[in-house]
Amino acid sequence: KSGGFKKLNTFYAGKALVINSQVI
């Protein structure tokens, strides 16, 4: 109820934004 469910593609797209320079 506090947002613990992970819709994986969306959740990890958000996580990857923090390290976007590494991805690029």
mmCIF file of all heavy atoms, coordinates in Angstrom:
data_MODEL
# 
_entry.id   MODEL 
# 
loop_
_atom_site.group_PDB 
_atom_site.id 
_atom_site.type_symbol 
_atom_site.label_atom_id 
_atom_site.label_alt_id 
_atom_site.label_comp_id 
_atom_site.label_asym_id 
_atom_site.label_entity_id 
_atom_site.label_seq_id 
_atom_site.pdbx_PDB_ins_code 
_atom_site.Cartn_x 
_atom_site.Cartn_y 
_atom_site.Cartn_z 
_atom_site.occupancy 
_atom_site.B_iso_or_equiv 
_atom_site.pdbx_formal_charge 
_atom_site.auth_seq_id 
_atom_site.auth_comp_id 
_atom_site.auth_asym_id 
_atom_site.auth_atom_id 
_atom_site.pdbx_PDB_model_num 
ATOM 1   N N   . LYS A 1 1  ? 0.814  -1.217 0.000   1.00 0.00 ? 1  LYS A N   1 
ATOM 2   C CA  . LYS A 1 1  ? 0.000  0.000  0.000   1.00 0.00 ? 1  LYS A CA  1 
ATOM 3   C C   . LYS A 1 1  ? 0.848  1.268  0.000   1.00 0.00 ? 1  LYS A C   1 
ATOM 4   O O   . LYS A 1 1  ? 0.391  2.338  -0.397  1.00 0.00 ? 1  LYS A O   1 
ATOM 5   C CB  . LYS A 1 1  ? -0.942 -0.018 1.203   1.00 0.00 ? 1  LYS A CB  1 
ATOM 6   C CG  . LYS A 1 1  ? -2.022 -1.094 1.083   1.00 0.00 ? 1  LYS A CG  1 
ATOM 7   C CD  . LYS A 1 1  ? -2.771 -1.318 2.394   1.00 0.00 ? 1  LYS A CD  1 
ATOM 8   C CE  . LYS A 1 1  ? -3.769 -0.222 2.638   1.00 0.00 ? 1  LYS A CE  1 
ATOM 9   N NZ  . LYS A 1 1  ? -4.621 -0.544 3.823   1.00 0.00 ? 1  LYS A NZ  1 
ATOM 10  N N   . SER A 1 2  ? 2.101  1.137  0.433   1.00 0.00 ? 2  SER A N   1 
ATOM 11  C CA  . SER A 1 2  ? 3.001  2.302  0.434   1.00 0.00 ? 2  SER A CA  1 
ATOM 12  C C   . SER A 1 2  ? 3.883  2.336  -0.810  1.00 0.00 ? 2  SER A C   1 
ATOM 13  O O   . SER A 1 2  ? 4.889  3.030  -0.853  1.00 0.00 ? 2  SER A O   1 
ATOM 14  C CB  . SER A 1 2  ? 3.872  2.292  1.690   1.00 0.00 ? 2  SER A CB  1 
ATOM 15  O OG  . SER A 1 2  ? 4.703  1.138  1.714   1.00 0.00 ? 2  SER A OG  1 
ATOM 16  N N   . GLY A 1 3  ? 3.510  1.556  -1.824  1.00 0.00 ? 3  GLY A N   1 
ATOM 17  C CA  . GLY A 1 3  ? 4.245  1.587  -3.096  1.00 0.00 ? 3  GLY A CA  1 
ATOM 18  C C   . GLY A 1 3  ? 5.289  0.509  -3.237  1.00 0.00 ? 3  GLY A C   1 
ATOM 19  O O   . GLY A 1 3  ? 6.191  0.616  -4.076  1.00 0.00 ? 3  GLY A O   1 
ATOM 20  N N   . GLY A 1 4  ? 5.161  -0.558 -2.457  1.00 0.00 ? 4  GLY A N   1 
ATOM 21  C CA  . GLY A 1 4  ? 6.174  -1.616 -2.485  1.00 0.00 ? 4  GLY A CA  1 
ATOM 22  C C   . GLY A 1 4  ? 6.116  -2.536 -3.686  1.00 0.00 ? 4  GLY A C   1 
ATOM 23  O O   . GLY A 1 4  ? 7.040  -3.295 -3.939  1.00 0.00 ? 4  GLY A O   1 
ATOM 24  N N   . PHE A 1 5  ? 5.009  -2.482 -4.451  1.00 0.00 ? 5  PHE A N   1 
ATOM 25  C CA  . PHE A 1 5  ? 4.919  -3.332 -5.638  1.00 0.00 ? 5  PHE A CA  1 
ATOM 26  C C   . PHE A 1 5  ? 5.756  -2.753 -6.768  1.00 0.00 ? 5  PHE A C   1 
ATOM 27  O O   . PHE A 1 5  ? 5.708  -1.547 -7.030  1.00 0.00 ? 5  PHE A O   1 
ATOM 28  C CB  . PHE A 1 5  ? 3.468  -3.452 -6.094  1.00 0.00 ? 5  PHE A CB  1 
ATOM 29  C CG  . PHE A 1 5  ? 3.297  -4.296 -7.332  1.00 0.00 ? 5  PHE A CG  1 
ATOM 30  C CD1 . PHE A 1 5  ? 3.257  -5.673 -7.249  1.00 0.00 ? 5  PHE A CD1 1 
ATOM 31  C CD2 . PHE A 1 5  ? 3.199  -3.705 -8.580  1.00 0.00 ? 5  PHE A CD2 1 
ATOM 32  C CE1 . PHE A 1 5  ? 3.105  -6.452 -8.395  1.00 0.00 ? 5  PHE A CE1 1 
ATOM 33  C CE2 . PHE A 1 5  ? 3.046  -4.464 -9.726  1.00 0.00 ? 5  PHE A CE2 1 
ATOM 34  C CZ  . PHE A 1 5  ? 2.991  -5.844 -9.626  1.00 0.00 ? 5  PHE A CZ  1 
ATOM 35  N N   . LYS A 1 6  ? 6.517  -3.592 -7.449  1.00 0.00 ? 6  LYS A N   1 
ATOM 36  C CA  . LYS A 1 6  ? 7.386  -3.137 -8.536  1.00 0.00 ? 6  LYS A CA  1 
ATOM 37  C C   . LYS A 1 6  ? 6.845  -3.609 -9.883  1.00 0.00 ? 6  LYS A C   1 
ATOM 38  O O   . LYS A 1 6  ? 6.775  -4.810 -10.139 1.00 0.00 ? 6  LYS A O   1 
ATOM 39  C CB  . LYS A 1 6  ? 8.801  -3.685 -8.361  1.00 0.00 ? 6  LYS A CB  1 
ATOM 40  C CG  . LYS A 1 6  ? 9.516  -3.252 -7.105  1.00 0.00 ? 6  LYS A CG  1 
ATOM 41  C CD  . LYS A 1 6  ? 10.871 -3.957 -6.995  1.00 0.00 ? 6  LYS A CD  1 
ATOM 42  C CE  . LYS A 1 6  ? 11.592 -3.604 -5.707  1.00 0.00 ? 6  LYS A CE  1 
ATOM 43  N NZ  . LYS A 1 6  ? 12.842 -4.372 -5.548  1.00 0.00 ? 6  LYS A NZ  1 
ATOM 44  N N   . LYS A 1 7  ? 6.454  -2.684 -10.714 1.00 0.00 ? 7  LYS A N   1 
ATOM 45  C CA  . LYS A 1 7  ? 6.228  -2.969 -12.124 1.00 0.00 ? 7  LYS A CA  1 
ATOM 46  C C   . LYS A 1 7  ? 7.615  -2.865 -12.750 1.00 0.00 ? 7  LYS A C   1 
ATOM 47  O O   . LYS A 1 7  ? 8.146  -1.763 -12.948 1.00 0.00 ? 7  LYS A O   1 
ATOM 48  C CB  . LYS A 1 7  ? 5.277  -1.937 -12.718 1.00 0.00 ? 7  LYS A CB  1 
ATOM 49  C CG  . LYS A 1 7  ? 4.785  -2.264 -14.111 1.00 0.00 ? 7  LYS A CG  1 
ATOM 50  C CD  . LYS A 1 7  ? 3.743  -3.342 -14.116 1.00 0.00 ? 7  LYS A CD  1 
ATOM 51  C CE  . LYS A 1 7  ? 3.120  -3.497 -15.503 1.00 0.00 ? 7  LYS A CE  1 
ATOM 52  N NZ  . LYS A 1 7  ? 2.220  -4.637 -15.566 1.00 0.00 ? 7  LYS A NZ  1 
ATOM 53  N N   . LEU A 1 8  ? 8.261  -4.001 -13.012 1.00 0.00 ? 8  LEU A N   1 
ATOM 54  C CA  . LEU A 1 8  ? 9.720  -4.029 -13.154 1.00 0.00 ? 8  LEU A CA  1 
ATOM 55  C C   . LEU A 1 8  ? 10.262 -3.094 -14.226 1.00 0.00 ? 8  LEU A C   1 
ATOM 56  O O   . LEU A 1 8  ? 11.236 -2.376 -13.986 1.00 0.00 ? 8  LEU A O   1 
ATOM 57  C CB  . LEU A 1 8  ? 10.185 -5.467 -13.427 1.00 0.00 ? 8  LEU A CB  1 
ATOM 58  C CG  . LEU A 1 8  ? 9.975  -6.460 -12.280 1.00 0.00 ? 8  LEU A CG  1 
ATOM 59  C CD1 . LEU A 1 8  ? 10.667 -7.783 -12.594 1.00 0.00 ? 8  LEU A CD1 1 
ATOM 60  C CD2 . LEU A 1 8  ? 10.477 -5.909 -10.956 1.00 0.00 ? 8  LEU A CD2 1 
ATOM 61  N N   . ASN A 1 9  ? 9.680  -3.102 -15.431 1.00 0.00 ? 9  ASN A N   1 
ATOM 62  C CA  . ASN A 1 9  ? 10.229 -2.245 -16.483 1.00 0.00 ? 9  ASN A CA  1 
ATOM 63  C C   . ASN A 1 9  ? 10.211 -0.777 -16.088 1.00 0.00 ? 9  ASN A C   1 
ATOM 64  O O   . ASN A 1 9  ? 11.180 -0.045 -16.272 1.00 0.00 ? 9  ASN A O   1 
ATOM 65  C CB  . ASN A 1 9  ? 9.449  -2.441 -17.778 1.00 0.00 ? 9  ASN A CB  1 
ATOM 66  C CG  . ASN A 1 9  ? 9.758  -3.761 -18.459 1.00 0.00 ? 9  ASN A CG  1 
ATOM 67  O OD1 . ASN A 1 9  ? 10.551 -4.555 -17.947 1.00 0.00 ? 9  ASN A OD1 1 
ATOM 68  N ND2 . ASN A 1 9  ? 9.128  -4.022 -19.576 1.00 0.00 ? 9  ASN A ND2 1 
ATOM 69  N N   . THR A 1 10 ? 9.079  -0.341 -15.519 1.00 0.00 ? 10 THR A N   1 
ATOM 70  C CA  . THR A 1 10 ? 8.946  1.056  -15.113 1.00 0.00 ? 10 THR A CA  1 
ATOM 71  C C   . THR A 1 10 ? 9.863  1.373  -13.936 1.00 0.00 ? 10 THR A C   1 
ATOM 72  O O   . THR A 1 10 ? 10.544 2.408  -13.909 1.00 0.00 ? 10 THR A O   1 
ATOM 73  C CB  . THR A 1 10 ? 7.485  1.358  -14.730 1.00 0.00 ? 10 THR A CB  1 
ATOM 74  O OG1 . THR A 1 10 ? 6.640  1.052  -15.846 1.00 0.00 ? 10 THR A OG1 1 
ATOM 75  C CG2 . THR A 1 10 ? 7.309  2.816  -14.343 1.00 0.00 ? 10 THR A CG2 1 
ATOM 76  N N   . PHE A 1 11 ? 9.893  0.482  -12.948 1.00 0.00 ? 11 PHE A N   1 
ATOM 77  C CA  . PHE A 1 11 ? 10.698 0.692  -11.748 1.00 0.00 ? 11 PHE A CA  1 
ATOM 78  C C   . PHE A 1 11 ? 12.183 0.798  -12.096 1.00 0.00 ? 11 PHE A C   1 
ATOM 79  O O   . PHE A 1 11 ? 12.881 1.721  -11.648 1.00 0.00 ? 11 PHE A O   1 
ATOM 80  C CB  . PHE A 1 11 ? 10.471 -0.456 -10.771 1.00 0.00 ? 11 PHE A CB  1 
ATOM 81  C CG  . PHE A 1 11 ? 11.303 -0.378 -9.518  1.00 0.00 ? 11 PHE A CG  1 
ATOM 82  C CD1 . PHE A 1 11 ? 10.939 0.461  -8.473  1.00 0.00 ? 11 PHE A CD1 1 
ATOM 83  C CD2 . PHE A 1 11 ? 12.453 -1.138 -9.383  1.00 0.00 ? 11 PHE A CD2 1 
ATOM 84  C CE1 . PHE A 1 11 ? 11.698 0.533  -7.311  1.00 0.00 ? 11 PHE A CE1 1 
ATOM 85  C CE2 . PHE A 1 11 ? 13.226 -1.069 -8.231  1.00 0.00 ? 11 PHE A CE2 1 
ATOM 86  C CZ  . PHE A 1 11 ? 12.846 -0.228 -7.197  1.00 0.00 ? 11 PHE A CZ  1 
ATOM 87  N N   . TYR A 1 12 ? 12.678 -0.117 -12.924 1.00 0.00 ? 12 TYR A N   1 
ATOM 88  C CA  . TYR A 1 12 ? 14.101 -0.120 -13.235 1.00 0.00 ? 12 TYR A CA  1 
ATOM 89  C C   . TYR A 1 12 ? 14.485 0.942  -14.265 1.00 0.00 ? 12 TYR A C   1 
ATOM 90  O O   . TYR A 1 12 ? 15.647 1.378  -14.306 1.00 0.00 ? 12 TYR A O   1 
ATOM 91  C CB  . TYR A 1 12 ? 14.547 -1.518 -13.677 1.00 0.00 ? 12 TYR A CB  1 
ATOM 92  C CG  . TYR A 1 12 ? 14.813 -2.409 -12.481 1.00 0.00 ? 12 TYR A CG  1 
ATOM 93  C CD1 . TYR A 1 12 ? 13.818 -3.220 -11.958 1.00 0.00 ? 12 TYR A CD1 1 
ATOM 94  C CD2 . TYR A 1 12 ? 16.041 -2.382 -11.839 1.00 0.00 ? 12 TYR A CD2 1 
ATOM 95  C CE1 . TYR A 1 12 ? 14.052 -4.008 -10.839 1.00 0.00 ? 12 TYR A CE1 1 
ATOM 96  C CE2 . TYR A 1 12 ? 16.286 -3.156 -10.718 1.00 0.00 ? 12 TYR A CE2 1 
ATOM 97  C CZ  . TYR A 1 12 ? 15.291 -3.966 -10.227 1.00 0.00 ? 12 TYR A CZ  1 
ATOM 98  O OH  . TYR A 1 12 ? 15.534 -4.732 -9.110  1.00 0.00 ? 12 TYR A OH  1 
ATOM 99  N N   . ALA A 1 13 ? 13.523 1.385  -15.074 1.00 0.00 ? 13 ALA A N   1 
ATOM 100 C CA  . ALA A 1 13 ? 13.807 2.539  -15.938 1.00 0.00 ? 13 ALA A CA  1 
ATOM 101 C C   . ALA A 1 13 ? 14.065 3.763  -15.073 1.00 0.00 ? 13 ALA A C   1 
ATOM 102 O O   . ALA A 1 13 ? 14.943 4.578  -15.370 1.00 0.00 ? 13 ALA A O   1 
ATOM 103 C CB  . ALA A 1 13 ? 12.639 2.786  -16.884 1.00 0.00 ? 13 ALA A CB  1 
ATOM 104 N N   . GLY A 1 14 ? 13.318 3.886  -13.986 1.00 0.00 ? 14 GLY A N   1 
ATOM 105 C CA  . GLY A 1 14 ? 13.544 4.989  -13.049 1.00 0.00 ? 14 GLY A CA  1 
ATOM 106 C C   . GLY A 1 14 ? 14.877 4.867  -12.329 1.00 0.00 ? 14 GLY A C   1 
ATOM 107 O O   . GLY A 1 14 ? 15.606 5.858  -12.179 1.00 0.00 ? 14 GLY A O   1 
ATOM 108 N N   . LYS A 1 15 ? 15.200 3.658  -11.888 1.00 0.00 ? 15 LYS A N   1 
ATOM 109 C CA  . LYS A 1 15 ? 16.479 3.437  -11.199 1.00 0.00 ? 15 LYS A CA  1 
ATOM 110 C C   . LYS A 1 15 ? 17.656 3.749  -12.130 1.00 0.00 ? 15 LYS A C   1 
ATOM 111 O O   . LYS A 1 15 ? 18.672 4.306  -11.695 1.00 0.00 ? 15 LYS A O   1 
ATOM 112 C CB  . LYS A 1 15 ? 16.568 1.982  -10.737 1.00 0.00 ? 15 LYS A CB  1 
ATOM 113 C CG  . LYS A 1 15 ? 15.555 1.582  -9.688  1.00 0.00 ? 15 LYS A CG  1 
ATOM 114 C CD  . LYS A 1 15 ? 16.031 1.866  -8.286  1.00 0.00 ? 15 LYS A CD  1 
ATOM 115 C CE  . LYS A 1 15 ? 17.046 0.847  -7.816  1.00 0.00 ? 15 LYS A CE  1 
ATOM 116 N NZ  . LYS A 1 15 ? 17.401 1.039  -6.384  1.00 0.00 ? 15 LYS A NZ  1 
ATOM 117 N N   . ALA A 1 16 ? 17.527 3.380  -13.391 1.00 0.00 ? 16 ALA A N   1 
ATOM 118 C CA  . ALA A 1 16 ? 18.620 3.573  -14.343 1.00 0.00 ? 16 ALA A CA  1 
ATOM 119 C C   . ALA A 1 16 ? 18.847 5.038  -14.672 1.00 0.00 ? 16 ALA A C   1 
ATOM 120 O O   . ALA A 1 16 ? 19.948 5.422  -15.114 1.00 0.00 ? 16 ALA A O   1 
ATOM 121 C CB  . ALA A 1 16 ? 18.345 2.795  -15.626 1.00 0.00 ? 16 ALA A CB  1 
ATOM 122 N N   . LEU A 1 17 ? 17.847 5.884  -14.467 1.00 0.00 ? 17 LEU A N   1 
ATOM 123 C CA  . LEU A 1 17 ? 17.999 7.302  -14.776 1.00 0.00 ? 17 LEU A CA  1 
ATOM 124 C C   . LEU A 1 17 ? 19.070 7.946  -13.901 1.00 0.00 ? 17 LEU A C   1 
ATOM 125 O O   . LEU A 1 17 ? 19.766 8.870  -14.338 1.00 0.00 ? 17 LEU A O   1 
ATOM 126 C CB  . LEU A 1 17 ? 16.662 8.020  -14.587 1.00 0.00 ? 17 LEU A CB  1 
ATOM 127 C CG  . LEU A 1 17 ? 16.575 9.485  -15.041 1.00 0.00 ? 17 LEU A CG  1 
ATOM 128 C CD1 . LEU A 1 17 ? 17.024 9.636  -16.492 1.00 0.00 ? 17 LEU A CD1 1 
ATOM 129 C CD2 . LEU A 1 17 ? 15.164 10.008 -14.864 1.00 0.00 ? 17 LEU A CD2 1 
ATOM 130 N N   . VAL A 1 18 ? 19.236 7.437  -12.691 1.00 0.00 ? 18 VAL A N   1 
ATOM 131 C CA  . VAL A 1 18 ? 20.244 7.971  -11.776 1.00 0.00 ? 18 VAL A CA  1 
ATOM 132 C C   . VAL A 1 18 ? 21.651 7.734  -12.319 1.00 0.00 ? 18 VAL A C   1 
ATOM 133 O O   . VAL A 1 18 ? 22.563 8.521  -12.075 1.00 0.00 ? 18 VAL A O   1 
ATOM 134 C CB  . VAL A 1 18 ? 20.087 7.346  -10.371 1.00 0.00 ? 18 VAL A CB  1 
ATOM 135 C CG1 . VAL A 1 18 ? 21.145 7.871  -9.408  1.00 0.00 ? 18 VAL A CG1 1 
ATOM 136 C CG2 . VAL A 1 18 ? 18.693 7.622  -9.822  1.00 0.00 ? 18 VAL A CG2 1 
ATOM 137 N N   . ILE A 1 19 ? 21.818 6.638  -13.060 1.00 0.00 ? 19 ILE A N   1 
ATOM 138 C CA  . ILE A 1 19 ? 23.147 6.302  -13.610 1.00 0.00 ? 19 ILE A CA  1 
ATOM 139 C C   . ILE A 1 19 ? 23.128 6.417  -15.140 1.00 0.00 ? 19 ILE A C   1 
ATOM 140 O O   . ILE A 1 19 ? 23.818 5.678  -15.844 1.00 0.00 ? 19 ILE A O   1 
ATOM 141 C CB  . ILE A 1 19 ? 23.587 4.888  -13.180 1.00 0.00 ? 19 ILE A CB  1 
ATOM 142 C CG1 . ILE A 1 19 ? 22.529 3.835  -13.604 1.00 0.00 ? 19 ILE A CG1 1 
ATOM 143 C CG2 . ILE A 1 19 ? 23.822 4.825  -11.686 1.00 0.00 ? 19 ILE A CG2 1 
ATOM 144 C CD1 . ILE A 1 19 ? 23.026 2.406  -13.499 1.00 0.00 ? 19 ILE A CD1 1 
ATOM 145 N N   . ASN A 1 20 ? 22.348 7.362  -15.646 1.00 0.00 ? 20 ASN A N   1 
ATOM 146 C CA  . ASN A 1 20 ? 22.160 7.477  -17.086 1.00 0.00 ? 20 ASN A CA  1 
ATOM 147 C C   . ASN A 1 20 ? 23.472 7.676  -17.842 1.00 0.00 ? 20 ASN A C   1 
ATOM 148 O O   . ASN A 1 20 ? 23.663 7.148  -18.937 1.00 0.00 ? 20 ASN A O   1 
ATOM 149 C CB  . ASN A 1 20 ? 21.204 8.629  -17.392 1.00 0.00 ? 20 ASN A CB  1 
ATOM 150 C CG  . ASN A 1 20 ? 20.632 8.561  -18.791 1.00 0.00 ? 20 ASN A CG  1 
ATOM 151 O OD1 . ASN A 1 20 ? 20.409 7.479  -19.329 1.00 0.00 ? 20 ASN A OD1 1 
ATOM 152 N ND2 . ASN A 1 20 ? 20.402 9.710  -19.396 1.00 0.00 ? 20 ASN A ND2 1 
ATOM 153 N N   . SER A 1 21 ? 24.390 8.422  -17.266 1.00 0.00 ? 21 SER A N   1 
ATOM 154 C CA  . SER A 1 21 ? 25.687 8.651  -17.933 1.00 0.00 ? 21 SER A CA  1 
ATOM 155 C C   . SER A 1 21 ? 26.444 7.345  -18.116 1.00 0.00 ? 21 SER A C   1 
ATOM 156 O O   . SER A 1 21 ? 27.079 7.124  -19.160 1.00 0.00 ? 21 SER A O   1 
ATOM 157 C CB  . SER A 1 21 ? 26.533 9.630  -17.118 1.00 0.00 ? 21 SER A CB  1 
ATOM 158 O OG  . SER A 1 21 ? 25.958 10.913 -17.140 1.00 0.00 ? 21 SER A OG  1 
ATOM 159 N N   . GLN A 1 22 ? 26.372 6.463  -17.115 1.00 0.00 ? 22 GLN A N   1 
ATOM 160 C CA  . GLN A 1 22 ? 27.016 5.153  -17.227 1.00 0.00 ? 22 GLN A CA  1 
ATOM 161 C C   . GLN A 1 22 ? 26.393 4.343  -18.368 1.00 0.00 ? 22 GLN A C   1 
ATOM 162 O O   . GLN A 1 22 ? 27.110 3.699  -19.158 1.00 0.00 ? 22 GLN A O   1 
ATOM 163 C CB  . GLN A 1 22 ? 26.859 4.365  -15.927 1.00 0.00 ? 22 GLN A CB  1 
ATOM 164 C CG  . GLN A 1 22 ? 27.749 4.818  -14.789 1.00 0.00 ? 22 GLN A CG  1 
ATOM 165 C CD  . GLN A 1 22 ? 27.710 3.833  -13.629 1.00 0.00 ? 22 GLN A CD  1 
ATOM 166 O OE1 . GLN A 1 22 ? 27.387 2.662  -13.801 1.00 0.00 ? 22 GLN A OE1 1 
ATOM 167 N NE2 . GLN A 1 22 ? 28.039 4.320  -12.452 1.00 0.00 ? 22 GLN A NE2 1 
ATOM 168 N N   . VAL A 1 23 ? 25.072 4.376  -18.440 1.00 0.00 ? 23 VAL A N   1 
ATOM 169 C CA  . VAL A 1 23 ? 24.373 3.630  -19.494 1.00 0.00 ? 23 VAL A CA  1 
ATOM 170 C C   . VAL A 1 23 ? 24.789 4.145  -20.866 1.00 0.00 ? 23 VAL A C   1 
ATOM 171 O O   . VAL A 1 23 ? 25.115 3.363  -21.762 1.00 0.00 ? 23 VAL A O   1 
ATOM 172 C CB  . VAL A 1 23 ? 22.845 3.748  -19.313 1.00 0.00 ? 23 VAL A CB  1 
ATOM 173 C CG1 . VAL A 1 23 ? 22.111 3.030  -20.450 1.00 0.00 ? 23 VAL A CG1 1 
ATOM 174 C CG2 . VAL A 1 23 ? 22.403 3.182  -17.967 1.00 0.00 ? 23 VAL A CG2 1 
ATOM 175 N N   . ILE A 1 24 ? 24.812 5.454  -21.027 1.00 0.00 ? 24 ILE A N   1 
ATOM 176 C CA  . ILE A 1 24 ? 25.151 6.052  -22.319 1.00 0.00 ? 24 ILE A CA  1 
ATOM 177 C C   . ILE A 1 24 ? 26.584 5.723  -22.715 1.00 0.00 ? 24 ILE A C   1 
ATOM 178 O O   . ILE A 1 24 ? 26.865 5.362  -23.871 1.00 0.00 ? 24 ILE A O   1 
ATOM 179 C CB  . ILE A 1 24 ? 24.930 7.582  -22.275 1.00 0.00 ? 24 ILE A CB  1 
ATOM 180 C CG1 . ILE A 1 24 ? 23.439 7.893  -22.124 1.00 0.00 ? 24 ILE A CG1 1 
ATOM 181 C CG2 . ILE A 1 24 ? 25.482 8.254  -23.523 1.00 0.00 ? 24 ILE A CG2 1 
ATOM 182 C CD1 . ILE A 1 24 ? 23.128 9.339  -21.807 1.00 0.00 ? 24 ILE A CD1 1 
# 
